[in-house]
Amino acid sequence: MNRTLTDLRNEFKGHIYLCFRSQNEYDAFLTRAENEEFLFGKNLPTDHLGEPCDIVSLLDGKRLAFCGTFSHMAYQAGGDNVHRVVCARFSSGNKDYII
């Protein structure tokens, strides 16, 4: 089964944060997101290849957002409506992708 970012967005209500443990993981995510027609605002995800990033928010409507201070705090705090996803595990098909 090939899971998509849209499937992930539809699976959970609330905030979905994708975390990356390396630049290669993040760059692979950007390519995948662009192939699935996601955007950072009006920009293509691959416009950000090579830029450092550790967490991205997966929003409704095929939108992505960089995470600032408050999003990082929400990510760290967790909670019932906060879903923290290890992007590499999700992409590989691992069922244990939620932190």
PDB file of N, CA and C in Angstrom:
ATOM      1  N   MET A   1       0.841  -1.188   0.000  1.00  0.00           N
ATOM      2  CA  MET A   1       0.000   0.000   0.000  1.00  0.00           C
ATOM      3  C   MET A   1       0.882   1.247   0.000  1.00  0.00           C
ATOM      4  N   ASN A   2       0.621   2.153  -0.887  1.00  0.00           N
ATOM      5  CA  ASN A   2       1.384   3.392  -0.980  1.00  0.00           C
ATOM      6  C   ASN A   2       0.604   4.509  -0.305  1.00  0.00           C
ATOM      7  N   ARG A   3       1.025   4.888   0.889  1.00  0.00           N
ATOM      8  CA  ARG A   3       0.330   5.944   1.630  1.00  0.00           C
ATOM      9  C   ARG A   3       0.733   7.303   1.099  1.00  0.00           C
ATOM     10  N   THR A   4      -0.245   8.200   1.038  1.00  0.00           N
ATOM     11  CA  THR A   4       0.023   9.554   0.569  1.00  0.00           C
ATOM     12  C   THR A   4      -0.094  10.536   1.728  1.00  0.00           C
ATOM     13  N   LEU A   5       0.419  11.732   1.509  1.00  0.00           N
ATOM     14  CA  LEU A   5       0.263  12.790   2.508  1.00  0.00           C
ATOM     15  C   LEU A   5      -1.204  13.166   2.664  1.00  0.00           C
ATOM     16  N   THR A   6      -1.968  13.085   1.592  1.00  0.00           N
ATOM     17  CA  THR A   6      -3.412  13.347   1.680  1.00  0.00           C
ATOM     18  C   THR A   6      -4.077  12.308   2.566  1.00  0.00           C
ATOM     19  N   ASP A   7      -3.687  11.041   2.443  1.00  0.00           N
ATOM     20  CA  ASP A   7      -4.218   9.995   3.325  1.00  0.00           C
ATOM     21  C   ASP A   7      -3.919  10.327   4.779  1.00  0.00           C
ATOM     22  N   LEU A   8      -2.694  10.764   5.038  1.00  0.00           N
ATOM     23  CA  LEU A   8      -2.297  11.122   6.397  1.00  0.00           C
ATOM     24  C   LEU A   8      -3.141  12.276   6.916  1.00  0.00           C
ATOM     25  N   ARG A   9      -3.331  13.301   6.108  1.00  0.00           N
ATOM     26  CA  ARG A   9      -4.138  14.460   6.507  1.00  0.00           C
ATOM     27  C   ARG A   9      -5.576  14.035   6.801  1.00  0.00           C
ATOM     28  N   ASN A  10      -6.108  13.113   6.021  1.00  0.00           N
ATOM     29  CA  ASN A  10      -7.484  12.653   6.217  1.00  0.00           C
ATOM     30  C   ASN A  10      -7.629  11.716   7.409  1.00  0.00           C
ATOM     31  N   GLU A  11      -6.533  11.090   7.821  1.00  0.00           N
ATOM     32  CA  GLU A  11      -6.574  10.127   8.921  1.00  0.00           C
ATOM     33  C   GLU A  11      -6.736  10.791  10.280  1.00  0.00           C
ATOM     34  N   PHE A  12      -6.182  11.974  10.451  1.00  0.00           N
ATOM     35  CA  PHE A  12      -6.167  12.625  11.757  1.00  0.00           C
ATOM     36  C   PHE A  12      -6.860  13.974  11.721  1.00  0.00           C
ATOM     37  N   LYS A  13      -7.573  14.271  12.769  1.00  0.00           N
ATOM     38  CA  LYS A  13      -8.111  15.612  12.994  1.00  0.00           C
ATOM     39  C   LYS A  13      -7.107  16.353  13.871  1.00  0.00           C
ATOM     40  N   GLY A  14      -7.031  17.633  13.719  1.00  0.00           N
ATOM     41  CA  GLY A  14      -6.118  18.418  14.540  1.00  0.00           C
ATOM     42  C   GLY A  14      -4.844  18.752  13.792  1.00  0.00           C
ATOM     43  N   HIS A  15      -3.783  18.910  14.552  1.00  0.00           N
ATOM     44  CA  HIS A  15      -2.496  19.357  14.009  1.00  0.00           C
ATOM     45  C   HIS A  15      -1.627  18.152  13.682  1.00  0.00           C
ATOM     46  N   ILE A  16      -1.083  18.153  12.480  1.00  0.00           N
ATOM     47  CA  ILE A  16      -0.149  17.105  12.071  1.00  0.00           C
ATOM     48  C   ILE A  16       1.199  17.769  11.808  1.00  0.00           C
ATOM     49  N   TYR A  17       2.196  17.317  12.556  1.00  0.00           N
ATOM     50  CA  TYR A  17       3.552  17.821  12.392  1.00  0.00           C
ATOM     51  C   TYR A  17       4.426  16.694  11.864  1.00  0.00           C
ATOM     52  N   LEU A  18       5.109  16.945  10.776  1.00  0.00           N
ATOM     53  CA  LEU A  18       6.031  15.983  10.199  1.00  0.00           C
ATOM     54  C   LEU A  18       7.440  16.350  10.634  1.00  0.00           C
ATOM     55  N   CYS A  19       8.165  15.399  11.200  1.00  0.00           N
ATOM     56  CA  CYS A  19       9.528  15.711  11.640  1.00  0.00           C
ATOM     57  C   CYS A  19      10.532  14.975  10.769  1.00  0.00           C
ATOM     58  N   PHE A  20      11.679  15.614  10.618  1.00  0.00           N
ATOM     59  CA  PHE A  20      12.743  15.126   9.752  1.00  0.00           C
ATOM     60  C   PHE A  20      14.021  15.035  10.558  1.00  0.00           C
ATOM     61  N   ARG A  21      14.744  13.959  10.379  1.00  0.00           N
ATOM     62  CA  ARG A  21      15.960  13.742  11.143  1.00  0.00           C
ATOM     63  C   ARG A  21      17.215  14.021  10.340  1.00  0.00           C
ATOM     64  N   SER A  22      17.040  14.345   9.049  1.00  0.00           N
ATOM     65  CA  SER A  22      18.206  14.672   8.226  1.00  0.00           C
ATOM     66  C   SER A  22      17.770  15.550   7.062  1.00  0.00           C
ATOM     67  N   GLN A  23      18.739  16.188   6.451  1.00  0.00           N
ATOM     68  CA  GLN A  23      18.463  17.020   5.290  1.00  0.00           C
ATOM     69  C   GLN A  23      17.954  16.166   4.129  1.00  0.00           C
ATOM     70  N   ASN A  24      18.504  14.961   3.989  1.00  0.00           N
ATOM     71  CA  ASN A  24      18.057  14.071   2.913  1.00  0.00           C
ATOM     72  C   ASN A  24      16.588  13.696   3.076  1.00  0.00           C
ATOM     73  N   GLU A  25      16.161  13.410   4.311  1.00  0.00           N
ATOM     74  CA  GLU A  25      14.747  13.099   4.565  1.00  0.00           C
ATOM     75  C   GLU A  25      13.863  14.284   4.187  1.00  0.00           C
ATOM     76  N   TYR A  26      14.287  15.466   4.587  1.00  0.00           N
ATOM     77  CA  TYR A  26      13.500  16.670   4.307  1.00  0.00           C
ATOM     78  C   TYR A  26      13.412  16.927   2.805  1.00  0.00           C
ATOM     79  N   ASP A  27      14.525  16.831   2.101  1.00  0.00           N
ATOM     80  CA  ASP A  27      14.520  17.064   0.662  1.00  0.00           C
ATOM     81  C   ASP A  27      13.661  16.026  -0.069  1.00  0.00           C
ATOM     82  N   ALA A  28      13.705  14.767   0.366  1.00  0.00           N
ATOM     83  CA  ALA A  28      12.858  13.724  -0.238  1.00  0.00           C
ATOM     84  C   ALA A  28      11.383  14.039   0.003  1.00  0.00           C
ATOM     85  N   PHE A  29      11.073  14.533   1.201  1.00  0.00           N
ATOM     86  CA  PHE A  29       9.701  14.936   1.505  1.00  0.00           C
ATOM     87  C   PHE A  29       9.235  16.060   0.573  1.00  0.00           C
ATOM     88  N   LEU A  30      10.084  17.038   0.347  1.00  0.00           N
ATOM     89  CA  LEU A  30       9.704  18.163  -0.518  1.00  0.00           C
ATOM     90  C   LEU A  30       9.338  17.679  -1.920  1.00  0.00           C
ATOM     91  N   THR A  31      10.113  16.768  -2.445  1.00  0.00           N
ATOM     92  CA  THR A  31       9.825  16.209  -3.767  1.00  0.00           C
ATOM     93  C   THR A  31       8.505  15.451  -3.753  1.00  0.00           C
ATOM     94  N   ARG A  32       8.314  14.645  -2.727  1.00  0.00           N
ATOM     95  CA  ARG A  32       7.065  13.887  -2.595  1.00  0.00           C
ATOM     96  C   ARG A  32       5.869  14.823  -2.483  1.00  0.00           C
ATOM     97  N   ALA A  33       5.988  15.833  -1.639  1.00  0.00           N
ATOM     98  CA  ALA A  33       4.892  16.787  -1.441  1.00  0.00           C
ATOM     99  C   ALA A  33       4.540  17.495  -2.751  1.00  0.00           C
ATOM    100  N   GLU A  34       5.554  17.871  -3.495  1.00  0.00           N
ATOM    101  CA  GLU A  34       5.293  18.535  -4.776  1.00  0.00           C
ATOM    102  C   GLU A  34       4.608  17.584  -5.759  1.00  0.00           C
ATOM    103  N   ASN A  35       5.028  16.331  -5.776  1.00  0.00           N
ATOM    104  CA  ASN A  35       4.385  15.343  -6.644  1.00  0.00           C
ATOM    105  C   ASN A  35       2.914  15.141  -6.284  1.00  0.00           C
ATOM    106  N   GLU A  36       2.576  15.360  -5.012  1.00  0.00           N
ATOM    107  CA  GLU A  36       1.189  15.246  -4.554  1.00  0.00           C
ATOM    108  C   GLU A  36       0.458  16.587  -4.609  1.00  0.00           C
ATOM    109  N   GLU A  37       1.100  17.592  -5.210  1.00  0.00           N
ATOM    110  CA  GLU A  37       0.507  18.910  -5.451  1.00  0.00           C
ATOM    111  C   GLU A  37       0.269  19.734  -4.194  1.00  0.00           C
ATOM    112  N   PHE A  38       1.106  19.530  -3.174  1.00  0.00           N
ATOM    113  CA  PHE A  38       1.075  20.379  -1.987  1.00  0.00           C
ATOM    114  C   PHE A  38       1.861  21.647  -2.271  1.00  0.00           C
ATOM    115  N   LEU A  39       1.552  22.702  -1.540  1.00  0.00           N
ATOM    116  CA  LEU A  39       2.241  23.987  -1.680  1.00  0.00           C
ATOM    117  C   LEU A  39       2.590  24.557  -0.317  1.00  0.00           C
ATOM    118  N   PHE A  40       3.686  25.330  -0.269  1.00  0.00           N
ATOM    119  CA  PHE A  40       4.000  26.206   0.865  1.00  0.00           C
ATOM    120  C   PHE A  40       3.479  27.570   0.461  1.00  0.00           C
ATOM    121  N   GLY A  41       2.316  27.949   0.926  1.00  0.00           N
ATOM    122  CA  GLY A  41       1.707  29.195   0.469  1.00  0.00           C
ATOM    123  C   GLY A  41       1.472  29.093  -1.025  1.00  0.00           C
ATOM    124  N   LYS A  42       2.141  29.937  -1.802  1.00  0.00           N
ATOM    125  CA  LYS A  42       2.037  29.878  -3.263  1.00  0.00           C
ATOM    126  C   LYS A  42       3.289  29.273  -3.891  1.00  0.00           C
ATOM    127  N   ASN A  43       4.202  28.796  -3.059  1.00  0.00           N
ATOM    128  CA  ASN A  43       5.481  28.272  -3.552  1.00  0.00           C
ATOM    129  C   ASN A  43       5.462  26.752  -3.657  1.00  0.00           C
ATOM    130  N   LEU A  44       6.202  26.255  -4.633  1.00  0.00           N
ATOM    131  CA  LEU A  44       6.387  24.816  -4.764  1.00  0.00           C
ATOM    132  C   LEU A  44       7.301  24.328  -3.644  1.00  0.00           C
ATOM    133  N   PRO A  45       7.034  23.151  -3.106  1.00  0.00           N
ATOM    134  CA  PRO A  45       7.913  22.627  -2.053  1.00  0.00           C
ATOM    135  C   PRO A  45       9.382  22.552  -2.462  1.00  0.00           C
ATOM    136  N   THR A  46       9.654  22.156  -3.704  1.00  0.00           N
ATOM    137  CA  THR A  46      11.057  22.011  -4.107  1.00  0.00           C
ATOM    138  C   THR A  46      11.783  23.338  -4.231  1.00  0.00           C
ATOM    139  N   ASP A  47      11.079  24.455  -4.116  1.00  0.00           N
ATOM    140  CA  ASP A  47      11.753  25.752  -4.041  1.00  0.00           C
ATOM    141  C   ASP A  47      12.611  25.827  -2.778  1.00  0.00           C
ATOM    142  N   HIS A  48      12.368  24.933  -1.826  1.00  0.00           N
ATOM    143  CA  HIS A  48      13.053  24.967  -0.533  1.00  0.00           C
ATOM    144  C   HIS A  48      14.068  23.839  -0.370  1.00  0.00           C
ATOM    145  N   LEU A  49      14.406  23.147  -1.463  1.00  0.00           N
ATOM    146  CA  LEU A  49      15.419  22.085  -1.376  1.00  0.00           C
ATOM    147  C   LEU A  49      16.719  22.650  -0.810  1.00  0.00           C
ATOM    148  N   GLY A  50      17.312  21.911   0.108  1.00  0.00           N
ATOM    149  CA  GLY A  50      18.579  22.311   0.691  1.00  0.00           C
ATOM    150  C   GLY A  50      18.472  23.249   1.869  1.00  0.00           C
ATOM    151  N   GLU A  51      17.282  23.789   2.122  1.00  0.00           N
ATOM    152  CA  GLU A  51      17.094  24.661   3.288  1.00  0.00           C
ATOM    153  C   GLU A  51      16.893  23.782   4.520  1.00  0.00           C
ATOM    154  N   PRO A  52      17.535  24.106   5.624  1.00  0.00           N
ATOM    155  CA  PRO A  52      17.374  23.287   6.823  1.00  0.00           C
ATOM    156  C   PRO A  52      15.966  23.415   7.403  1.00  0.00           C
ATOM    157  N   CYS A  53      15.434  22.291   7.851  1.00  0.00           N
ATOM    158  CA  CYS A  53      14.113  22.297   8.475  1.00  0.00           C
ATOM    159  C   CYS A  53      13.971  21.023   9.292  1.00  0.00           C
ATOM    160  N   ASP A  54      13.336  21.127  10.458  1.00  0.00           N
ATOM    161  CA  ASP A  54      13.137  19.945  11.286  1.00  0.00           C
ATOM    162  C   ASP A  54      11.669  19.548  11.411  1.00  0.00           C
ATOM    163  N   ILE A  55      10.742  20.505  11.281  1.00  0.00           N
ATOM    164  CA  ILE A  55       9.319  20.225  11.441  1.00  0.00           C
ATOM    165  C   ILE A  55       8.519  21.031  10.418  1.00  0.00           C
ATOM    166  N   VAL A  56       7.540  20.370   9.799  1.00  0.00           N
ATOM    167  CA  VAL A  56       6.609  21.023   8.878  1.00  0.00           C
ATOM    168  C   VAL A  56       5.206  20.642   9.299  1.00  0.00           C
ATOM    169  N   SER A  57       4.296  21.582   9.215  1.00  0.00           N
ATOM    170  CA  SER A  57       2.900  21.324   9.525  1.00  0.00           C
ATOM    171  C   SER A  57       2.159  20.948   8.254  1.00  0.00           C
ATOM    172  N   LEU A  58       1.377  19.878   8.327  1.00  0.00           N
ATOM    173  CA  LEU A  58       0.567  19.402   7.212  1.00  0.00           C
ATOM    174  C   LEU A  58      -0.846  19.928   7.420  1.00  0.00           C
ATOM    175  N   LEU A  59      -1.266  20.838   6.554  1.00  0.00           N
ATOM    176  CA  LEU A  59      -2.542  21.528   6.705  1.00  0.00           C
ATOM    177  C   LEU A  59      -3.591  20.986   5.735  1.00  0.00           C
ATOM    178  N   ASP A  60      -4.832  21.375   5.938  1.00  0.00           N
ATOM    179  CA  ASP A  60      -5.903  21.030   5.006  1.00  0.00           C
ATOM    180  C   ASP A  60      -5.664  21.711   3.671  1.00  0.00           C
ATOM    181  N   GLY A  61      -6.305  21.204   2.637  1.00  0.00           N
ATOM    182  CA  GLY A  61      -6.245  21.851   1.335  1.00  0.00           C
ATOM    183  C   GLY A  61      -4.906  21.741   0.648  1.00  0.00           C
ATOM    184  N   LYS A  62      -4.177  20.644   0.916  1.00  0.00           N
ATOM    185  CA  LYS A  62      -2.864  20.415   0.289  1.00  0.00           C
ATOM    186  C   LYS A  62      -1.907  21.572   0.528  1.00  0.00           C
ATOM    187  N   ARG A  63      -1.901  22.050   1.768  1.00  0.00           N
ATOM    188  CA  ARG A  63      -1.008  23.142   2.143  1.00  0.00           C
ATOM    189  C   ARG A  63      -0.027  22.666   3.204  1.00  0.00           C
ATOM    190  N   LEU A  64       1.147  23.261   3.168  1.00  0.00           N
ATOM    191  CA  LEU A  64       2.206  23.004   4.142  1.00  0.00           C
ATOM    192  C   LEU A  64       2.596  24.317   4.792  1.00  0.00           C
ATOM    193  N   ALA A  65       3.120  24.243   6.010  1.00  0.00           N
ATOM    194  CA  ALA A  65       3.587  25.451   6.678  1.00  0.00           C
ATOM    195  C   ALA A  65       4.858  25.138   7.462  1.00  0.00           C
ATOM    196  N   PHE A  66       5.793  26.088   7.399  1.00  0.00           N
ATOM    197  CA  PHE A  66       6.963  25.991   8.259  1.00  0.00           C
ATOM    198  C   PHE A  66       6.516  26.266   9.687  1.00  0.00           C
ATOM    199  N   CYS A  67       7.218  25.694  10.640  1.00  0.00           N
ATOM    200  CA  CYS A  67       6.830  25.819  12.036  1.00  0.00           C
ATOM    201  C   CYS A  67       7.719  26.823  12.761  1.00  0.00           C
ATOM    202  N   GLY A  68       7.092  27.801  13.329  1.00  0.00           N
ATOM    203  CA  GLY A  68       7.777  28.800  14.121  1.00  0.00           C
ATOM    204  C   GLY A  68       7.808  28.399  15.584  1.00  0.00           C
ATOM    205  N   THR A  69       8.045  29.349  16.436  1.00  0.00           N
ATOM    206  CA  THR A  69       8.199  29.107  17.868  1.00  0.00           C
ATOM    207  C   THR A  69       6.976  28.435  18.481  1.00  0.00           C
ATOM    208  N   PHE A  70       5.784  28.952  18.209  1.00  0.00           N
ATOM    209  CA  PHE A  70       4.582  28.407  18.842  1.00  0.00           C
ATOM    210  C   PHE A  70       4.273  27.002  18.330  1.00  0.00           C
ATOM    211  N   SER A  71       4.496  26.766  17.063  1.00  0.00           N
ATOM    212  CA  SER A  71       4.282  25.413  16.532  1.00  0.00           C
ATOM    213  C   SER A  71       5.282  24.431  17.129  1.00  0.00           C
ATOM    214  N   HIS A  72       6.531  24.858  17.316  1.00  0.00           N
ATOM    215  CA  HIS A  72       7.512  23.992  17.967  1.00  0.00           C
ATOM    216  C   HIS A  72       7.092  23.683  19.403  1.00  0.00           C
ATOM    217  N   MET A  73       6.539  24.663  20.081  1.00  0.00           N
ATOM    218  CA  MET A  73       6.064  24.437  21.452  1.00  0.00           C
ATOM    219  C   MET A  73       4.897  23.439  21.455  1.00  0.00           C
ATOM    220  N   ALA A  74       3.959  23.585  20.523  1.00  0.00           N
ATOM    221  CA  ALA A  74       2.833  22.658  20.430  1.00  0.00           C
ATOM    222  C   ALA A  74       3.323  21.254  20.098  1.00  0.00           C
ATOM    223  N   TYR A  75       4.278  21.171  19.201  1.00  0.00           N
ATOM    224  CA  TYR A  75       4.861  19.885  18.830  1.00  0.00           C
ATOM    225  C   TYR A  75       5.469  19.200  20.058  1.00  0.00           C
ATOM    226  N   GLN A  76       6.237  19.952  20.835  1.00  0.00           N
ATOM    227  CA  GLN A  76       6.892  19.388  22.019  1.00  0.00           C
ATOM    228  C   GLN A  76       5.887  19.004  23.101  1.00  0.00           C
ATOM    229  N   ALA A  77       4.833  19.816  23.261  1.00  0.00           N
ATOM    230  CA  ALA A  77       3.840  19.570  24.312  1.00  0.00           C
ATOM    231  C   ALA A  77       2.951  18.380  23.989  1.00  0.00           C
ATOM    232  N   GLY A  78       2.672  18.169  22.714  1.00  0.00           N
ATOM    233  CA  GLY A  78       1.789  17.069  22.325  1.00  0.00           C
ATOM    234  C   GLY A  78       0.356  17.355  22.722  1.00  0.00           C
ATOM    235  N   GLY A  79      -0.425  16.322  22.918  1.00  0.00           N
ATOM    236  CA  GLY A  79      -1.824  16.459  23.289  1.00  0.00           C
ATOM    237  C   GLY A  79      -2.709  15.642  22.360  1.00  0.00           C
ATOM    238  N   ASP A  80      -3.987  15.599  22.676  1.00  0.00           N
ATOM    239  CA  ASP A  80      -4.921  14.777  21.920  1.00  0.00           C
ATOM    240  C   ASP A  80      -5.073  15.195  20.468  1.00  0.00           C
ATOM    241  N   ASN A  81      -4.943  16.473  20.188  1.00  0.00           N
ATOM    242  CA  ASN A  81      -5.135  16.936  18.817  1.00  0.00           C
ATOM    243  C   ASN A  81      -3.811  17.270  18.105  1.00  0.00           C
ATOM    244  N   VAL A  82      -2.698  16.799  18.663  1.00  0.00           N
ATOM    245  CA  VAL A  82      -1.379  17.016  18.069  1.00  0.00           C
ATOM    246  C   VAL A  82      -0.811  15.647  17.676  1.00  0.00           C
ATOM    247  N   HIS A  83      -0.532  15.497  16.402  1.00  0.00           N
ATOM    248  CA  HIS A  83      -0.033  14.235  15.880  1.00  0.00           C
ATOM    249  C   HIS A  83       1.368  14.463  15.315  1.00  0.00           C
ATOM    250  N   ARG A  84       2.346  13.811  15.922  1.00  0.00           N
ATOM    251  CA  ARG A  84       3.746  13.964  15.535  1.00  0.00           C
ATOM    252  C   ARG A  84       4.166  12.741  14.720  1.00  0.00           C
ATOM    253  N   VAL A  85       4.526  12.980  13.477  1.00  0.00           N
ATOM    254  CA  VAL A  85       4.815  11.910  12.528  1.00  0.00           C
ATOM    255  C   VAL A  85       6.291  11.938  12.140  1.00  0.00           C
ATOM    256  N   VAL A  86       6.946  10.807  12.251  1.00  0.00           N
ATOM    257  CA  VAL A  86       8.302  10.668  11.735  1.00  0.00           C
ATOM    258  C   VAL A  86       8.143  10.394  10.242  1.00  0.00           C
ATOM    259  N   CYS A  87       8.445  11.374   9.446  1.00  0.00           N
ATOM    260  CA  CYS A  87       8.161  11.327   8.017  1.00  0.00           C
ATOM    261  C   CYS A  87       8.823  10.133   7.329  1.00  0.00           C
ATOM    262  N   ALA A  88      10.058   9.826   7.665  1.00  0.00           N
ATOM    263  CA  ALA A  88      10.759   8.713   7.019  1.00  0.00           C
ATOM    264  C   ALA A  88      10.062   7.389   7.312  1.00  0.00           C
ATOM    265  N   ARG A  89       9.570   7.210   8.528  1.00  0.00           N
ATOM    266  CA  ARG A  89       8.851   5.974   8.863  1.00  0.00           C
ATOM    267  C   ARG A  89       7.537   5.892   8.091  1.00  0.00           C
ATOM    268  N   PHE A  90       6.812   6.996   8.045  1.00  0.00           N
ATOM    269  CA  PHE A  90       5.557   7.028   7.305  1.00  0.00           C
ATOM    270  C   PHE A  90       5.805   6.703   5.836  1.00  0.00           C
ATOM    271  N   SER A  91       6.800   7.338   5.248  1.00  0.00           N
ATOM    272  CA  SER A  91       7.096   7.161   3.825  1.00  0.00           C
ATOM    273  C   SER A  91       7.520   5.733   3.491  1.00  0.00           C
ATOM    274  N   SER A  92       8.193   5.075   4.434  1.00  0.00           N
ATOM    275  CA  SER A  92       8.684   3.721   4.182  1.00  0.00           C
ATOM    276  C   SER A  92       7.603   2.654   4.370  1.00  0.00           C
ATOM    277  N   GLY A  93       6.438   3.050   4.877  1.00  0.00           N
ATOM    278  CA  GLY A  93       5.372   2.085   5.108  1.00  0.00           C
ATOM    279  C   GLY A  93       5.353   1.518   6.520  1.00  0.00           C
ATOM    280  N   ASN A  94       6.286   1.954   7.370  1.00  0.00           N
ATOM    281  CA  ASN A  94       6.325   1.518   8.760  1.00  0.00           C
ATOM    282  C   ASN A  94       5.035   1.926   9.457  1.00  0.00           C
ATOM    283  N   LYS A  95       4.418   0.985  10.151  1.00  0.00           N
ATOM    284  CA  LYS A  95       3.156   1.285  10.857  1.00  0.00           C
ATOM    285  C   LYS A  95       3.386   2.083  12.133  1.00  0.00           C
ATOM    286  N   ASP A  96       4.625   2.108  12.620  1.00  0.00           N
ATOM    287  CA  ASP A  96       4.975   2.812  13.852  1.00  0.00           C
ATOM    288  C   ASP A  96       5.597   4.168  13.500  1.00  0.00           C
ATOM    289  N   TYR A  97       4.786   5.072  12.954  1.00  0.00           N
ATOM    290  CA  TYR A  97       5.312   6.368  12.507  1.00  0.00           C
ATOM    291  C   TYR A  97       4.882   7.529  13.394  1.00  0.00           C
ATOM    292  N   ILE A  98       4.008   7.294  14.368  1.00  0.00           N
ATOM    293  CA  ILE A  98       3.576   8.352  15.292  1.00  0.00           C
ATOM    294  C   ILE A  98       4.485   8.350  16.508  1.00  0.00           C
ATOM    295  N   ILE A  99       4.961   9.540  16.881  1.00  0.00           N
ATOM    296  CA  ILE A  99       5.801   9.670  18.084  1.00  0.00           C
ATOM    297  C   ILE A  99       4.880   9.741  19.286  1.00  0.00           C
TER     298      ILE A  99
END
